[in-house]
Amino acid sequence: MKIFLLLCILVITSSLIGKKIFYTAKRNLFKDQEAWSGKDIKIRHSKSKKDTSELKRSNNFLEIIADESKIYLEDQTKKDEA
């Protein structure tokens, strides 16, 4: 009888702990999605860092986006440092 009672308590506590872990993981997973869901993303193009003619010659759009993102992040870090 004691083993059965101990087993029941163990199952109940593990299910409560598992439910809490699952809820926390789900909340953290969708937190970033909620932050971005209603916002418009504005892309500002900067001509100061890299020549735009060099970007236009390239047909690799992922490379263009990566370069623009790098420029944007460099500008943001400069603003944060100032």
C-alpha atoms as a PDB file:
ATOM      1  CA  MET A   1       0.000   0.000   0.000  1.00  0.00           C
ATOM      2  CA  LYS A   2       2.848   2.373   0.829  1.00  0.00           C
ATOM      3  CA  ILE A   3       4.492   1.655  -2.531  1.00  0.00           C
ATOM      4  CA  PHE A   4       1.235   2.406  -4.358  1.00  0.00           C
ATOM      5  CA  LEU A   5       0.796   5.691  -2.468  1.00  0.00           C
ATOM      6  CA  LEU A   6       4.397   6.683  -3.126  1.00  0.00           C
ATOM      7  CA  LEU A   7       4.010   5.810  -6.803  1.00  0.00           C
ATOM      8  CA  CYS A   8       0.830   7.917  -7.073  1.00  0.00           C
ATOM      9  CA  ILE A   9       2.525  10.907  -5.457  1.00  0.00           C
ATOM     10  CA  LEU A  10       5.501  10.512  -7.772  1.00  0.00           C
ATOM     11  CA  VAL A  11       3.278  10.371 -10.880  1.00  0.00           C
ATOM     12  CA  ILE A  12       1.249  13.414  -9.815  1.00  0.00           C
ATOM     13  CA  THR A  13       4.321  15.536  -9.020  1.00  0.00           C
ATOM     14  CA  SER A  14       6.087  14.556 -12.240  1.00  0.00           C
ATOM     15  CA  SER A  15       2.975  15.415 -14.283  1.00  0.00           C
ATOM     16  CA  LEU A  16       2.662  18.818 -12.588  1.00  0.00           C
ATOM     17  CA  ILE A  17       6.340  19.568 -13.129  1.00  0.00           C
ATOM     18  CA  GLY A  18       6.122  18.382 -16.742  1.00  0.00           C
ATOM     19  CA  LYS A  19       3.057  20.553 -17.343  1.00  0.00           C
ATOM     20  CA  LYS A  20       4.875  23.600 -15.956  1.00  0.00           C
ATOM     21  CA  ILE A  21       7.960  22.921 -18.098  1.00  0.00           C
ATOM     22  CA  PHE A  22       5.793  22.452 -21.190  1.00  0.00           C
ATOM     23  CA  TYR A  23       3.875  25.682 -20.522  1.00  0.00           C
ATOM     24  CA  THR A  24       7.087  27.651 -19.956  1.00  0.00           C
ATOM     25  CA  ALA A  25       8.697  26.303 -23.132  1.00  0.00           C
ATOM     26  CA  LYS A  26       5.586  27.082 -25.173  1.00  0.00           C
ATOM     27  CA  ARG A  27       5.372  30.608 -23.750  1.00  0.00           C
ATOM     28  CA  ASN A  28       9.058  31.311 -24.517  1.00  0.00           C
ATOM     29  CA  LEU A  29       8.726  29.866 -28.005  1.00  0.00           C
ATOM     30  CA  PHE A  30       5.851  32.146 -28.975  1.00  0.00           C
ATOM     31  CA  LYS A  31       7.074  35.230 -27.102  1.00  0.00           C
ATOM     32  CA  ASP A  32       9.210  36.408 -30.030  1.00  0.00           C
ATOM     33  CA  GLN A  33       6.393  35.761 -32.476  1.00  0.00           C
ATOM     34  CA  GLU A  34       4.047  37.977 -30.427  1.00  0.00           C
ATOM     35  CA  ALA A  35       6.653  40.728 -30.385  1.00  0.00           C
ATOM     36  CA  TRP A  36       6.935  40.750 -34.190  1.00  0.00           C
ATOM     37  CA  SER A  37       3.324  40.014 -35.132  1.00  0.00           C
ATOM     38  CA  GLY A  38       1.949  43.556 -35.303  1.00  0.00           C
ATOM     39  CA  LYS A  39       5.024  45.477 -36.369  1.00  0.00           C
ATOM     40  CA  ASP A  40       5.973  46.737 -39.787  1.00  0.00           C
ATOM     41  CA  ILE A  41       9.591  46.172 -40.666  1.00  0.00           C
ATOM     42  CA  LYS A  42      11.213  49.240 -42.164  1.00  0.00           C
ATOM     43  CA  ILE A  43      14.422  48.802 -44.099  1.00  0.00           C
ATOM     44  CA  ARG A  44      16.647  51.824 -44.453  1.00  0.00           C
ATOM     45  CA  HIS A  45      19.286  51.668 -47.117  1.00  0.00           C
ATOM     46  CA  SER A  46      22.612  53.212 -46.285  1.00  0.00           C
ATOM     47  CA  LYS A  47      24.975  54.385 -48.994  1.00  0.00           C
ATOM     48  CA  SER A  48      27.763  55.388 -46.643  1.00  0.00           C
ATOM     49  CA  LYS A  49      29.234  51.959 -45.907  1.00  0.00           C
ATOM     50  CA  LYS A  50      29.170  50.140 -49.203  1.00  0.00           C
ATOM     51  CA  ASP A  51      28.802  51.293 -52.760  1.00  0.00           C
ATOM     52  CA  THR A  52      25.302  50.490 -54.004  1.00  0.00           C
ATOM     53  CA  SER A  53      26.532  49.924 -57.543  1.00  0.00           C
ATOM     54  CA  GLU A  54      28.517  46.995 -56.198  1.00  0.00           C
ATOM     55  CA  LEU A  55      25.334  45.604 -54.634  1.00  0.00           C
ATOM     56  CA  LYS A  56      23.324  46.086 -57.835  1.00  0.00           C
ATOM     57  CA  ARG A  57      25.841  44.145 -59.921  1.00  0.00           C
ATOM     58  CA  SER A  58      25.356  41.074 -57.768  1.00  0.00           C
ATOM     59  CA  ASN A  59      22.421  38.842 -58.659  1.00  0.00           C
ATOM     60  CA  ASN A  60      22.598  36.944 -55.401  1.00  0.00           C
ATOM     61  CA  PHE A  61      19.671  38.423 -53.469  1.00  0.00           C
ATOM     62  CA  LEU A  62      20.560  36.648 -50.243  1.00  0.00           C
ATOM     63  CA  GLU A  63      23.989  38.234 -50.338  1.00  0.00           C
ATOM     64  CA  ILE A  64      22.408  41.663 -50.892  1.00  0.00           C
ATOM     65  CA  ILE A  65      20.086  41.162 -47.939  1.00  0.00           C
ATOM     66  CA  ALA A  66      22.975  39.974 -45.772  1.00  0.00           C
ATOM     67  CA  ASP A  67      25.060  43.017 -46.706  1.00  0.00           C
ATOM     68  CA  GLU A  68      22.189  45.407 -45.989  1.00  0.00           C
ATOM     69  CA  SER A  69      21.540  43.666 -42.665  1.00  0.00           C
ATOM     70  CA  LYS A  70      25.202  43.959 -41.734  1.00  0.00           C
ATOM     71  CA  ILE A  71      25.169  47.672 -42.558  1.00  0.00           C
ATOM     72  CA  TYR A  72      21.998  48.165 -40.517  1.00  0.00           C
ATOM     73  CA  LEU A  73      23.416  46.311 -37.518  1.00  0.00           C
ATOM     74  CA  GLU A  74      26.650  48.302 -37.673  1.00  0.00           C
ATOM     75  CA  ASP A  75      24.622  51.533 -37.663  1.00  0.00           C
ATOM     76  CA  GLN A  76      22.569  50.314 -34.698  1.00  0.00           C
ATOM     77  CA  THR A  77      25.665  49.438 -32.682  1.00  0.00           C
ATOM     78  CA  LYS A  78      27.133  52.862 -33.394  1.00  0.00           C
ATOM     79  CA  LYS A  79      23.908  54.473 -32.174  1.00  0.00           C
ATOM     80  CA  ASP A  80      23.934  52.325 -29.035  1.00  0.00           C
ATOM     81  CA  GLU A  81      27.556  53.235 -28.291  1.00  0.00           C
ATOM     82  CA  ALA A  82      26.909  56.969 -28.686  1.00  0.00           C
END
